[in-house]
Amino acid sequence: MIRTLIVVEVPFYREGLVELLTRSGRVEVVAAADDAETAERFARSVRPQVALIDAGMADAAEAIQRMRALPSPPKFVALAVNTSSDAVLRWAELGVAAFVPRSASLEDLLHILRGVAQDELYCSPTVAAKLLSHVAELATTARREGDATVDLSPREHEVLSLLARGLPNKAIANTLAISNATAKNHVHNILEKLRLHRRSEVAALLKDSPLKDSPRRAQQTA
């Protein structure tokens, strides 16, 4: 059975969950707490596999933070989470492994608890989409912040400036008085260093990048 700690402030809500989960025969409720301090104490003493936490509690976030700091913290499942982007991200950053929507049934909850106890993550497609969108934004931000340290040669900076203006290889070659093959080689190297797949991505990347302030000697050589 899944050793579970219930952390819910409202007494009848907490007692109802204890009763229903115990009756299921699939969950062992090892303790029930109504605040962050009690939750930490029980988590330390009985070492549950999963902590089921009411997201509506005033100190729900504190309860998770306290338990996460323990030597053997439980997995966290948040009950009745507001599925707005900010709320989902806030709980995910706290380390919540699963989100139980308000519309979930007892069977849904049991399925989620079983999955989390087996080191699975669970969330609705809507929540998953929001989390993936956030991950993509973080990846883009990290890439742009890393652009300042990209090692481009002076000539590559010149090519980059022209590339950002949408010039094709032939126009870049004519502007810089180099061969088409050399221009093509510079473009290839720049895309590889900036971890881009298409030349059309250069302008979007440079919009908010420190590289936009790099020397633009290409205009001087035109």
N, C-alpha and C. Protein backbone atom coordinates (compact mmCIF):
# COMPACT_ATOMS: atom_id res chain seq x y z
N MET A 1 0.84 -1.21 0.00
CA MET A 1 0.00 0.00 0.00
C MET A 1 0.87 1.25 0.00
N ILE A 2 0.28 2.34 -0.42
CA ILE A 2 1.02 3.60 -0.54
C ILE A 2 0.95 4.35 0.79
N ARG A 3 2.10 4.52 1.41
CA ARG A 3 2.15 5.23 2.70
C ARG A 3 1.99 6.73 2.42
N THR A 4 0.89 7.27 2.92
CA THR A 4 0.51 8.63 2.55
C THR A 4 0.27 9.52 3.77
N LEU A 5 0.80 10.71 3.68
CA LEU A 5 0.55 11.76 4.68
C LEU A 5 -0.44 12.74 4.07
N ILE A 6 -1.54 13.02 4.77
CA ILE A 6 -2.53 13.98 4.28
C ILE A 6 -2.32 15.30 5.02
N VAL A 7 -2.22 16.37 4.25
CA VAL A 7 -2.01 17.70 4.83
C VAL A 7 -3.15 18.60 4.35
N VAL A 8 -4.16 18.71 5.18
CA VAL A 8 -5.36 19.48 4.85
C VAL A 8 -5.80 20.24 6.09
N GLU A 9 -6.09 21.52 5.92
CA GLU A 9 -6.44 22.36 7.05
C GLU A 9 -7.86 22.14 7.56
N VAL A 10 -8.82 22.00 6.66
CA VAL A 10 -10.24 21.88 7.04
C VAL A 10 -10.51 20.48 7.60
N PRO A 11 -11.00 20.39 8.84
CA PRO A 11 -11.17 19.09 9.50
C PRO A 11 -12.02 18.08 8.74
N PHE A 12 -13.24 18.47 8.30
CA PHE A 12 -14.10 17.47 7.66
C PHE A 12 -13.55 17.03 6.30
N TYR A 13 -12.84 17.91 5.63
CA TYR A 13 -12.18 17.58 4.36
C TYR A 13 -11.05 16.59 4.62
N ARG A 14 -10.26 16.88 5.64
CA ARG A 14 -9.14 16.01 6.01
C ARG A 14 -9.65 14.63 6.45
N GLU A 15 -10.66 14.62 7.33
CA GLU A 15 -11.20 13.35 7.84
C GLU A 15 -11.85 12.54 6.73
N GLY A 16 -12.52 13.23 5.80
CA GLY A 16 -13.14 12.54 4.68
C GLY A 16 -12.11 11.85 3.79
N LEU A 17 -11.00 12.53 3.53
CA LEU A 17 -9.93 11.94 2.73
C LEU A 17 -9.32 10.72 3.43
N VAL A 18 -9.11 10.84 4.73
CA VAL A 18 -8.56 9.72 5.49
C VAL A 18 -9.48 8.52 5.36
N GLU A 19 -10.79 8.74 5.55
CA GLU A 19 -11.77 7.66 5.49
C GLU A 19 -11.82 7.01 4.10
N LEU A 20 -11.92 7.83 3.07
CA LEU A 20 -12.06 7.32 1.71
C LEU A 20 -10.81 6.57 1.26
N LEU A 21 -9.63 7.15 1.53
CA LEU A 21 -8.39 6.51 1.09
C LEU A 21 -8.13 5.21 1.86
N THR A 22 -8.46 5.20 3.13
CA THR A 22 -8.28 3.99 3.94
C THR A 22 -9.20 2.88 3.45
N ARG A 23 -10.45 3.24 3.17
CA ARG A 23 -11.43 2.25 2.69
C ARG A 23 -11.04 1.63 1.36
N SER A 24 -10.28 2.38 0.56
CA SER A 24 -9.90 1.88 -0.76
C SER A 24 -9.05 0.63 -0.68
N GLY A 25 -8.35 0.46 0.44
CA GLY A 25 -7.47 -0.69 0.60
C GLY A 25 -6.17 -0.58 -0.16
N ARG A 26 -5.97 0.57 -0.82
CA ARG A 26 -4.75 0.75 -1.62
C ARG A 26 -3.81 1.80 -1.02
N VAL A 27 -4.29 2.50 -0.01
CA VAL A 27 -3.52 3.56 0.62
C VAL A 27 -3.48 3.37 2.13
N GLU A 28 -2.29 3.49 2.69
CA GLU A 28 -2.15 3.50 4.15
C GLU A 28 -1.91 4.94 4.58
N VAL A 29 -2.91 5.53 5.21
CA VAL A 29 -2.75 6.91 5.70
C VAL A 29 -1.96 6.83 7.01
N VAL A 30 -0.70 7.23 6.95
CA VAL A 30 0.18 7.09 8.12
C VAL A 30 0.04 8.26 9.09
N ALA A 31 -0.50 9.39 8.59
CA ALA A 31 -0.70 10.55 9.46
C ALA A 31 -1.52 11.59 8.70
N ALA A 32 -2.10 12.51 9.48
CA ALA A 32 -2.85 13.61 8.88
C ALA A 32 -2.49 14.88 9.64
N ALA A 33 -2.17 15.94 8.91
CA ALA A 33 -1.74 17.19 9.53
C ALA A 33 -2.60 18.33 9.03
N ASP A 34 -2.63 19.41 9.83
CA ASP A 34 -3.44 20.57 9.44
C ASP A 34 -2.62 21.84 9.25
N ASP A 35 -1.28 21.75 9.36
CA ASP A 35 -0.44 22.91 9.11
C ASP A 35 0.97 22.46 8.74
N ALA A 36 1.80 23.41 8.36
CA ALA A 36 3.14 23.10 7.86
C ALA A 36 4.03 22.47 8.93
N GLU A 37 3.96 23.01 10.13
CA GLU A 37 4.83 22.50 11.20
C GLU A 37 4.50 21.06 11.54
N THR A 38 3.19 20.75 11.66
CA THR A 38 2.78 19.38 11.97
C THR A 38 3.13 18.43 10.83
N ALA A 39 2.97 18.93 9.60
CA ALA A 39 3.30 18.10 8.43
C ALA A 39 4.77 17.72 8.44
N GLU A 40 5.62 18.68 8.75
CA GLU A 40 7.05 18.40 8.80
C GLU A 40 7.36 17.37 9.88
N ARG A 41 6.74 17.54 11.03
CA ARG A 41 7.01 16.63 12.14
C ARG A 41 6.61 15.19 11.79
N PHE A 42 5.43 15.04 11.19
CA PHE A 42 4.97 13.70 10.81
C PHE A 42 5.83 13.12 9.69
N ALA A 43 6.21 13.95 8.72
CA ALA A 43 7.03 13.48 7.61
C ALA A 43 8.37 12.98 8.11
N ARG A 44 8.88 13.64 9.13
CA ARG A 44 10.17 13.23 9.71
C ARG A 44 10.04 11.92 10.48
N SER A 45 8.93 11.75 11.19
CA SER A 45 8.79 10.59 12.08
C SER A 45 8.26 9.33 11.38
N VAL A 46 7.29 9.48 10.47
CA VAL A 46 6.69 8.30 9.86
C VAL A 46 7.17 8.04 8.43
N ARG A 47 7.86 9.01 7.85
CA ARG A 47 8.49 8.88 6.53
C ARG A 47 7.53 8.33 5.46
N PRO A 48 6.51 9.10 5.11
CA PRO A 48 5.56 8.66 4.09
C PRO A 48 6.19 8.65 2.70
N GLN A 49 5.61 7.86 1.80
CA GLN A 49 6.05 7.88 0.41
C GLN A 49 5.54 9.14 -0.30
N VAL A 50 4.30 9.49 0.03
CA VAL A 50 3.63 10.59 -0.65
C VAL A 50 2.98 11.51 0.38
N ALA A 51 3.06 12.82 0.12
CA ALA A 51 2.34 13.80 0.93
C ALA A 51 1.27 14.42 0.04
N LEU A 52 0.01 14.25 0.44
CA LEU A 52 -1.12 14.79 -0.31
C LEU A 52 -1.52 16.10 0.35
N ILE A 53 -1.34 17.21 -0.37
CA ILE A 53 -1.45 18.54 0.24
C ILE A 53 -2.54 19.36 -0.42
N ASP A 54 -3.37 19.97 0.40
CA ASP A 54 -4.41 20.87 -0.10
C ASP A 54 -3.75 22.18 -0.54
N ALA A 55 -3.82 22.47 -1.84
CA ALA A 55 -3.18 23.68 -2.36
C ALA A 55 -3.83 24.95 -1.84
N GLY A 56 -5.02 24.83 -1.28
CA GLY A 56 -5.71 26.01 -0.76
C GLY A 56 -5.29 26.42 0.64
N MET A 57 -4.46 25.62 1.28
CA MET A 57 -3.97 25.97 2.62
C MET A 57 -3.08 27.20 2.56
N ALA A 58 -3.20 28.04 3.58
CA ALA A 58 -2.39 29.26 3.62
C ALA A 58 -0.90 28.95 3.66
N ASP A 59 -0.53 27.87 4.34
CA ASP A 59 0.89 27.53 4.46
C ASP A 59 1.25 26.26 3.69
N ALA A 60 0.53 25.99 2.61
CA ALA A 60 0.81 24.79 1.82
C ALA A 60 2.23 24.83 1.24
N ALA A 61 2.62 25.98 0.70
CA ALA A 61 3.96 26.10 0.13
C ALA A 61 5.03 25.91 1.21
N GLU A 62 4.78 26.47 2.38
CA GLU A 62 5.74 26.31 3.48
C GLU A 62 5.84 24.85 3.89
N ALA A 63 4.72 24.15 3.88
CA ALA A 63 4.73 22.73 4.25
C ALA A 63 5.61 21.93 3.30
N ILE A 64 5.49 22.21 2.02
CA ILE A 64 6.31 21.51 1.03
C ILE A 64 7.79 21.84 1.23
N GLN A 65 8.08 23.12 1.44
CA GLN A 65 9.48 23.53 1.62
C GLN A 65 10.09 22.88 2.85
N ARG A 66 9.33 22.80 3.92
CA ARG A 66 9.83 22.17 5.14
C ARG A 66 10.12 20.68 4.92
N MET A 67 9.19 20.01 4.25
CA MET A 67 9.37 18.57 4.04
C MET A 67 10.45 18.27 3.02
N ARG A 68 10.61 19.13 2.02
CA ARG A 68 11.66 18.93 1.02
C ARG A 68 13.04 19.00 1.65
N ALA A 69 13.16 19.72 2.74
CA ALA A 69 14.46 19.88 3.40
C ALA A 69 14.84 18.67 4.25
N LEU A 70 13.93 17.71 4.40
CA LEU A 70 14.21 16.53 5.21
C LEU A 70 15.17 15.58 4.48
N PRO A 71 15.87 14.74 5.21
CA PRO A 71 16.80 13.79 4.58
C PRO A 71 16.11 12.86 3.59
N SER A 72 14.87 12.43 3.91
CA SER A 72 14.12 11.54 3.02
C SER A 72 12.73 12.13 2.78
N PRO A 73 12.64 13.13 1.94
CA PRO A 73 11.35 13.80 1.72
C PRO A 73 10.39 12.92 0.92
N PRO A 74 9.09 13.10 1.14
CA PRO A 74 8.11 12.36 0.34
C PRO A 74 7.94 12.99 -1.03
N LYS A 75 7.20 12.30 -1.90
CA LYS A 75 6.76 12.91 -3.16
C LYS A 75 5.55 13.78 -2.81
N PHE A 76 5.33 14.84 -3.58
CA PHE A 76 4.24 15.76 -3.27
C PHE A 76 3.15 15.74 -4.33
N VAL A 77 1.91 15.64 -3.86
CA VAL A 77 0.74 15.71 -4.73
C VAL A 77 -0.12 16.87 -4.23
N ALA A 78 -0.43 17.80 -5.12
CA ALA A 78 -1.21 18.98 -4.74
C ALA A 78 -2.68 18.80 -5.14
N LEU A 79 -3.55 19.00 -4.16
CA LEU A 79 -4.99 18.88 -4.38
C LEU A 79 -5.60 20.21 -4.78
N ALA A 80 -6.55 20.16 -5.70
CA ALA A 80 -7.36 21.33 -6.07
C ALA A 80 -6.50 22.53 -6.46
N VAL A 81 -5.57 22.29 -7.37
CA VAL A 81 -4.68 23.36 -7.83
C VAL A 81 -5.39 24.23 -8.86
N ASN A 82 -5.26 25.53 -8.69
CA ASN A 82 -5.73 26.47 -9.71
C ASN A 82 -4.86 26.25 -10.95
N THR A 83 -5.49 26.01 -12.10
CA THR A 83 -4.71 25.67 -13.29
C THR A 83 -4.25 26.87 -14.11
N SER A 84 -4.26 28.06 -13.52
CA SER A 84 -3.69 29.21 -14.22
C SER A 84 -2.18 28.98 -14.34
N SER A 85 -1.58 29.58 -15.35
CA SER A 85 -0.15 29.36 -15.61
C SER A 85 0.71 29.69 -14.40
N ASP A 86 0.46 30.82 -13.77
CA ASP A 86 1.28 31.24 -12.63
C ASP A 86 1.21 30.23 -11.49
N ALA A 87 -0.01 29.76 -11.21
CA ALA A 87 -0.20 28.82 -10.10
C ALA A 87 0.50 27.50 -10.39
N VAL A 88 0.32 26.99 -11.59
CA VAL A 88 0.94 25.72 -11.97
C VAL A 88 2.46 25.80 -11.86
N LEU A 89 3.03 26.88 -12.39
CA LEU A 89 4.48 27.03 -12.35
C LEU A 89 4.99 27.17 -10.92
N ARG A 90 4.24 27.88 -10.10
CA ARG A 90 4.65 28.06 -8.71
C ARG A 90 4.72 26.71 -7.98
N TRP A 91 3.72 25.86 -8.18
CA TRP A 91 3.72 24.55 -7.53
C TRP A 91 4.80 23.64 -8.11
N ALA A 92 4.98 23.71 -9.42
CA ALA A 92 6.01 22.88 -10.04
C ALA A 92 7.39 23.25 -9.52
N GLU A 93 7.64 24.54 -9.36
CA GLU A 93 8.94 24.99 -8.85
C GLU A 93 9.17 24.54 -7.41
N LEU A 94 8.08 24.34 -6.67
CA LEU A 94 8.19 23.86 -5.29
C LEU A 94 8.54 22.37 -5.24
N GLY A 95 8.34 21.68 -6.36
CA GLY A 95 8.67 20.26 -6.39
C GLY A 95 7.48 19.33 -6.40
N VAL A 96 6.29 19.86 -6.71
CA VAL A 96 5.10 19.02 -6.76
C VAL A 96 5.19 18.07 -7.95
N ALA A 97 4.91 16.78 -7.71
CA ALA A 97 5.02 15.76 -8.75
C ALA A 97 3.71 15.52 -9.48
N ALA A 98 2.59 15.94 -8.89
CA ALA A 98 1.30 15.70 -9.53
C ALA A 98 0.29 16.76 -9.09
N PHE A 99 -0.62 17.06 -10.00
CA PHE A 99 -1.66 18.05 -9.74
C PHE A 99 -3.02 17.37 -9.85
N VAL A 100 -3.81 17.46 -8.79
CA VAL A 100 -5.14 16.84 -8.80
C VAL A 100 -6.17 17.94 -9.02
N PRO A 101 -6.86 17.95 -10.16
CA PRO A 101 -7.84 19.00 -10.43
C PRO A 101 -9.07 18.86 -9.54
N ARG A 102 -9.84 19.92 -9.43
CA ARG A 102 -11.05 19.91 -8.60
C ARG A 102 -12.07 18.90 -9.12
N SER A 103 -12.00 18.58 -10.39
CA SER A 103 -12.97 17.67 -11.00
C SER A 103 -12.61 16.20 -10.83
N ALA A 104 -11.48 15.90 -10.19
CA ALA A 104 -10.99 14.52 -10.09
C ALA A 104 -11.90 13.67 -9.20
N SER A 105 -12.01 12.40 -9.55
CA SER A 105 -12.76 11.44 -8.75
C SER A 105 -11.82 10.74 -7.77
N LEU A 106 -12.38 9.93 -6.88
CA LEU A 106 -11.56 9.16 -5.95
C LEU A 106 -10.65 8.21 -6.73
N GLU A 107 -11.20 7.60 -7.77
CA GLU A 107 -10.40 6.68 -8.57
C GLU A 107 -9.24 7.42 -9.24
N ASP A 108 -9.51 8.64 -9.70
CA ASP A 108 -8.43 9.46 -10.29
C ASP A 108 -7.33 9.70 -9.27
N LEU A 109 -7.74 10.05 -8.06
CA LEU A 109 -6.77 10.34 -7.00
C LEU A 109 -5.93 9.11 -6.68
N LEU A 110 -6.57 7.95 -6.59
CA LEU A 110 -5.84 6.72 -6.30
C LEU A 110 -4.85 6.40 -7.42
N HIS A 111 -5.26 6.62 -8.65
CA HIS A 111 -4.38 6.40 -9.79
C HIS A 111 -3.16 7.32 -9.72
N ILE A 112 -3.40 8.57 -9.36
CA ILE A 112 -2.31 9.54 -9.26
C ILE A 112 -1.35 9.17 -8.14
N LEU A 113 -1.89 8.81 -6.99
CA LEU A 113 -1.04 8.44 -5.85
C LEU A 113 -0.17 7.23 -6.20
N ARG A 114 -0.76 6.26 -6.87
CA ARG A 114 0.01 5.07 -7.26
C ARG A 114 1.13 5.45 -8.21
N GLY A 115 0.83 6.30 -9.19
CA GLY A 115 1.84 6.71 -10.16
C GLY A 115 2.97 7.49 -9.51
N VAL A 116 2.63 8.43 -8.64
CA VAL A 116 3.65 9.24 -7.99
C VAL A 116 4.54 8.37 -7.08
N ALA A 117 3.93 7.41 -6.40
CA ALA A 117 4.71 6.51 -5.55
C ALA A 117 5.71 5.70 -6.36
N GLN A 118 5.43 5.53 -7.66
CA GLN A 118 6.33 4.80 -8.56
C GLN A 118 7.22 5.75 -9.36
N ASP A 119 7.37 6.97 -8.84
CA ASP A 119 8.26 7.98 -9.43
C ASP A 119 7.77 8.51 -10.78
N GLU A 120 6.46 8.49 -10.99
CA GLU A 120 5.89 9.07 -12.20
C GLU A 120 5.38 10.47 -11.90
N LEU A 121 5.32 11.29 -12.94
CA LEU A 121 4.74 12.62 -12.83
C LEU A 121 3.35 12.57 -13.44
N TYR A 122 2.43 13.32 -12.85
CA TYR A 122 1.07 13.30 -13.37
C TYR A 122 0.49 14.70 -13.41
N CYS A 123 -0.11 15.03 -14.56
CA CYS A 123 -0.86 16.28 -14.66
C CYS A 123 -1.76 16.19 -15.88
N SER A 124 -2.76 17.03 -15.94
CA SER A 124 -3.69 17.03 -17.05
C SER A 124 -2.99 17.54 -18.31
N PRO A 125 -3.54 17.28 -19.49
CA PRO A 125 -2.95 17.82 -20.73
C PRO A 125 -2.81 19.34 -20.70
N THR A 126 -3.78 20.02 -20.08
CA THR A 126 -3.72 21.49 -20.00
C THR A 126 -2.52 21.94 -19.18
N VAL A 127 -2.34 21.31 -18.04
CA VAL A 127 -1.21 21.65 -17.17
C VAL A 127 0.10 21.27 -17.84
N ALA A 128 0.13 20.12 -18.51
CA ALA A 128 1.34 19.68 -19.20
C ALA A 128 1.74 20.69 -20.27
N ALA A 129 0.76 21.21 -21.00
CA ALA A 129 1.05 22.19 -22.04
C ALA A 129 1.66 23.45 -21.45
N LYS A 130 1.15 23.89 -20.31
CA LYS A 130 1.68 25.09 -19.67
C LYS A 130 3.11 24.87 -19.18
N LEU A 131 3.37 23.70 -18.62
CA LEU A 131 4.71 23.40 -18.14
C LEU A 131 5.71 23.30 -19.29
N LEU A 132 5.30 22.66 -20.38
CA LEU A 132 6.19 22.53 -21.53
C LEU A 132 6.47 23.88 -22.17
N SER A 133 5.44 24.74 -22.19
CA SER A 133 5.62 26.08 -22.74
C SER A 133 6.64 26.86 -21.92
N HIS A 134 6.55 26.69 -20.60
CA HIS A 134 7.49 27.38 -19.71
C HIS A 134 8.91 26.86 -19.91
N VAL A 135 9.04 25.54 -20.07
CA VAL A 135 10.36 24.95 -20.30
C VAL A 135 10.97 25.50 -21.59
N ALA A 136 10.13 25.64 -22.62
CA ALA A 136 10.61 26.18 -23.90
C ALA A 136 11.08 27.62 -23.73
N GLU A 137 10.33 28.40 -22.96
CA GLU A 137 10.72 29.79 -22.72
C GLU A 137 12.05 29.86 -21.97
N LEU A 138 12.21 28.98 -20.99
CA LEU A 138 13.47 28.97 -20.22
C LEU A 138 14.64 28.59 -21.13
N ALA A 139 14.41 27.64 -22.03
CA ALA A 139 15.48 27.22 -22.94
C ALA A 139 15.87 28.36 -23.87
N THR A 140 14.88 29.09 -24.36
CA THR A 140 15.17 30.22 -25.25
C THR A 140 15.93 31.31 -24.52
N THR A 141 15.50 31.60 -23.29
CA THR A 141 16.17 32.62 -22.49
C THR A 141 17.61 32.23 -22.19
N ALA A 142 17.79 30.96 -21.83
CA ALA A 142 19.15 30.49 -21.52
C ALA A 142 20.05 30.59 -22.75
N ARG A 143 19.47 30.26 -23.91
CA ARG A 143 20.27 30.33 -25.14
C ARG A 143 20.66 31.77 -25.45
N ARG A 144 19.71 32.68 -25.26
CA ARG A 144 20.01 34.08 -25.55
C ARG A 144 21.03 34.66 -24.57
N GLU A 145 20.91 34.26 -23.29
CA GLU A 145 21.87 34.74 -22.30
C GLU A 145 23.26 34.19 -22.59
N GLY A 146 23.29 32.99 -23.17
CA GLY A 146 24.59 32.39 -23.49
C GLY A 146 25.22 32.98 -24.73
N ASP A 147 24.43 33.73 -25.53
CA ASP A 147 24.97 34.29 -26.77
C ASP A 147 26.12 35.25 -26.53
N ALA A 148 26.11 35.92 -25.36
CA ALA A 148 27.15 36.92 -25.08
C ALA A 148 28.54 36.28 -25.03
N THR A 149 28.58 34.96 -24.78
CA THR A 149 29.87 34.30 -24.66
C THR A 149 30.22 33.50 -25.92
N VAL A 150 29.38 33.59 -26.96
CA VAL A 150 29.67 32.88 -28.20
C VAL A 150 30.92 33.49 -28.84
N ASP A 151 31.85 32.62 -29.20
CA ASP A 151 33.13 33.08 -29.74
C ASP A 151 33.04 33.21 -31.26
N LEU A 152 32.66 34.39 -31.74
CA LEU A 152 32.62 34.67 -33.17
C LEU A 152 33.83 35.50 -33.56
N SER A 153 34.38 35.18 -34.70
CA SER A 153 35.52 35.95 -35.20
C SER A 153 35.02 37.30 -35.71
N PRO A 154 35.92 38.28 -35.91
CA PRO A 154 35.50 39.58 -36.46
C PRO A 154 34.76 39.42 -37.79
N ARG A 155 35.25 38.53 -38.66
CA ARG A 155 34.59 38.32 -39.94
C ARG A 155 33.19 37.72 -39.75
N GLU A 156 33.08 36.80 -38.80
CA GLU A 156 31.77 36.20 -38.53
C GLU A 156 30.79 37.22 -37.99
N HIS A 157 31.28 38.18 -37.22
CA HIS A 157 30.41 39.27 -36.76
C HIS A 157 29.90 40.08 -37.96
N GLU A 158 30.76 40.30 -38.92
CA GLU A 158 30.35 41.03 -40.12
C GLU A 158 29.26 40.25 -40.87
N VAL A 159 29.50 38.96 -41.04
CA VAL A 159 28.52 38.12 -41.73
C VAL A 159 27.21 38.06 -40.95
N LEU A 160 27.33 37.96 -39.62
CA LEU A 160 26.14 37.91 -38.77
C LEU A 160 25.27 39.14 -38.95
N SER A 161 25.91 40.30 -39.01
CA SER A 161 25.17 41.55 -39.18
C SER A 161 24.38 41.54 -40.48
N LEU A 162 24.99 41.07 -41.55
CA LEU A 162 24.33 41.01 -42.85
C LEU A 162 23.26 39.91 -42.88
N LEU A 163 23.55 38.82 -42.21
CA LEU A 163 22.62 37.71 -42.13
C LEU A 163 21.34 38.13 -41.41
N ALA A 164 21.50 38.92 -40.36
CA ALA A 164 20.35 39.40 -39.59
C ALA A 164 19.46 40.33 -40.42
N ARG A 165 20.05 40.95 -41.45
CA ARG A 165 19.28 41.83 -42.33
C ARG A 165 18.58 41.06 -43.44
N GLY A 166 18.77 39.72 -43.46
CA GLY A 166 18.09 38.88 -44.42
C GLY A 166 18.82 38.70 -45.74
N LEU A 167 20.09 39.12 -45.82
CA LEU A 167 20.82 39.00 -47.08
C LEU A 167 21.16 37.54 -47.39
N PRO A 168 21.03 37.15 -48.66
CA PRO A 168 21.42 35.79 -49.06
C PRO A 168 22.93 35.69 -49.14
N ASN A 169 23.43 34.47 -49.30
CA ASN A 169 24.88 34.25 -49.32
C ASN A 169 25.58 35.06 -50.41
N LYS A 170 24.97 35.13 -51.59
CA LYS A 170 25.60 35.85 -52.69
C LYS A 170 25.77 37.33 -52.37
N ALA A 171 24.75 37.94 -51.77
CA ALA A 171 24.83 39.35 -51.41
C ALA A 171 25.86 39.57 -50.31
N ILE A 172 25.93 38.63 -49.37
CA ILE A 172 26.93 38.72 -48.30
C ILE A 172 28.33 38.65 -48.92
N ALA A 173 28.51 37.73 -49.86
CA ALA A 173 29.81 37.58 -50.52
C ALA A 173 30.21 38.85 -51.27
N ASN A 174 29.27 39.44 -52.00
CA ASN A 174 29.55 40.66 -52.75
C ASN A 174 29.88 41.82 -51.82
N THR A 175 29.13 41.94 -50.72
CA THR A 175 29.34 43.04 -49.78
C THR A 175 30.70 42.98 -49.12
N LEU A 176 31.12 41.76 -48.78
CA LEU A 176 32.39 41.59 -48.07
C LEU A 176 33.56 41.24 -48.99
N ALA A 177 33.28 41.20 -50.29
CA ALA A 177 34.33 40.88 -51.27
C ALA A 177 34.97 39.53 -50.99
N ILE A 178 34.13 38.53 -50.75
CA ILE A 178 34.61 37.17 -50.53
C ILE A 178 33.86 36.25 -51.49
N SER A 179 34.31 35.01 -51.61
CA SER A 179 33.66 34.08 -52.52
C SER A 179 32.34 33.58 -51.92
N ASN A 180 31.47 33.07 -52.79
CA ASN A 180 30.20 32.51 -52.33
C ASN A 180 30.44 31.33 -51.38
N ALA A 181 31.45 30.52 -51.71
CA ALA A 181 31.75 29.36 -50.87
C ALA A 181 32.19 29.79 -49.48
N THR A 182 32.99 30.86 -49.41
CA THR A 182 33.45 31.36 -48.11
C THR A 182 32.28 31.92 -47.31
N ALA A 183 31.40 32.66 -47.98
CA ALA A 183 30.22 33.21 -47.31
C ALA A 183 29.35 32.08 -46.76
N LYS A 184 29.13 31.07 -47.57
CA LYS A 184 28.32 29.92 -47.14
C LYS A 184 28.95 29.23 -45.94
N ASN A 185 30.27 29.10 -45.94
CA ASN A 185 30.97 28.47 -44.84
C ASN A 185 30.84 29.28 -43.55
N HIS A 186 30.94 30.62 -43.66
CA HIS A 186 30.76 31.49 -42.49
C HIS A 186 29.35 31.36 -41.92
N VAL A 187 28.35 31.35 -42.79
CA VAL A 187 26.96 31.23 -42.35
C VAL A 187 26.75 29.91 -41.60
N HIS A 188 27.30 28.84 -42.18
CA HIS A 188 27.18 27.53 -41.54
C HIS A 188 27.80 27.54 -40.13
N ASN A 189 29.01 28.11 -40.02
CA ASN A 189 29.70 28.16 -38.72
C ASN A 189 28.93 29.00 -37.70
N ILE A 190 28.35 30.12 -38.16
CA ILE A 190 27.60 30.99 -37.26
C ILE A 190 26.36 30.27 -36.72
N LEU A 191 25.62 29.63 -37.60
CA LEU A 191 24.41 28.90 -37.16
C LEU A 191 24.77 27.80 -36.18
N GLU A 192 25.89 27.15 -36.43
CA GLU A 192 26.32 26.07 -35.55
C GLU A 192 26.72 26.62 -34.18
N LYS A 193 27.44 27.73 -34.14
CA LYS A 193 27.87 28.31 -32.87
C LYS A 193 26.70 28.87 -32.07
N LEU A 194 25.69 29.39 -32.77
CA LEU A 194 24.52 29.95 -32.10
C LEU A 194 23.45 28.90 -31.84
N ARG A 195 23.73 27.65 -32.26
CA ARG A 195 22.81 26.53 -32.07
C ARG A 195 21.45 26.82 -32.72
N LEU A 196 21.50 27.34 -33.93
CA LEU A 196 20.30 27.61 -34.72
C LEU A 196 20.21 26.62 -35.88
N HIS A 197 19.00 26.40 -36.35
CA HIS A 197 18.81 25.45 -37.44
C HIS A 197 18.61 26.14 -38.79
N ARG A 198 18.04 27.34 -38.75
CA ARG A 198 17.76 28.06 -40.00
C ARG A 198 18.26 29.49 -39.91
N ARG A 199 18.67 30.04 -41.01
CA ARG A 199 19.17 31.41 -41.05
C ARG A 199 18.06 32.40 -40.69
N SER A 200 16.81 32.02 -40.93
CA SER A 200 15.70 32.92 -40.61
C SER A 200 15.55 33.15 -39.11
N GLU A 201 16.19 32.30 -38.29
CA GLU A 201 16.10 32.43 -36.84
C GLU A 201 17.06 33.50 -36.29
N VAL A 202 18.00 33.93 -37.11
CA VAL A 202 19.03 34.86 -36.64
C VAL A 202 18.43 36.19 -36.18
N ALA A 203 17.56 36.77 -37.00
CA ALA A 203 16.99 38.08 -36.66
C ALA A 203 16.23 38.02 -35.34
N ALA A 204 15.45 36.96 -35.14
CA ALA A 204 14.67 36.83 -33.91
C ALA A 204 15.60 36.67 -32.70
N LEU A 205 16.68 35.93 -32.88
CA LEU A 205 17.63 35.73 -31.79
C LEU A 205 18.32 37.02 -31.40
N LEU A 206 18.71 37.81 -32.39
CA LEU A 206 19.46 39.03 -32.13
C LEU A 206 18.60 40.15 -31.55
N LYS A 207 17.28 40.03 -31.67
CA LYS A 207 16.39 41.10 -31.22
C LYS A 207 16.66 41.51 -29.78
N ASP A 208 16.80 40.51 -28.88
CA ASP A 208 17.03 40.81 -27.47
C ASP A 208 18.36 40.26 -26.98
N SER A 209 19.31 40.10 -27.90
CA SER A 209 20.58 39.49 -27.55
C SER A 209 21.70 40.51 -27.43
N PRO A 210 22.67 40.24 -26.54
CA PRO A 210 23.85 41.12 -26.45
C PRO A 210 24.62 41.18 -27.77
N LEU A 211 24.45 40.17 -28.62
CA LEU A 211 25.18 40.17 -29.89
C LEU A 211 24.73 41.28 -30.82
N LYS A 212 23.55 41.84 -30.56
CA LYS A 212 23.07 42.90 -31.45
C LYS A 212 23.96 44.14 -31.35
N ASP A 213 24.72 44.23 -30.26
CA ASP A 213 25.61 45.38 -30.06
C ASP A 213 27.04 45.07 -30.50
N SER A 214 27.26 43.91 -31.14
CA SER A 214 28.60 43.56 -31.58
C SER A 214 29.03 44.47 -32.73
N PRO A 215 30.33 44.59 -32.98
CA PRO A 215 30.83 45.46 -34.04
C PRO A 215 30.24 45.10 -35.38
N ARG A 216 29.79 46.07 -36.12
CA ARG A 216 29.20 45.82 -37.42
C ARG A 216 30.09 46.42 -38.50
N ARG A 217 31.27 45.82 -38.60
CA ARG A 217 32.23 46.31 -39.58
C ARG A 217 31.77 46.01 -41.00
N ALA A 218 30.80 45.11 -41.13
CA ALA A 218 30.36 44.75 -42.47
C ALA A 218 29.85 45.95 -43.22
N GLN A 219 29.18 46.86 -42.51
CA GLN A 219 28.63 48.05 -43.16
C GLN A 219 29.75 48.97 -43.63
N GLN A 220 30.89 48.92 -42.94
CA GLN A 220 31.99 49.80 -43.30
C GLN A 220 32.73 49.30 -44.54
N THR A 221 32.61 47.96 -44.76
CA THR A 221 33.32 47.38 -45.88
C THR A 221 32.46 47.30 -47.13
N ALA A 222 31.16 47.66 -46.94
CA ALA A 222 30.25 47.60 -48.10
C ALA A 222 30.64 48.63 -49.15
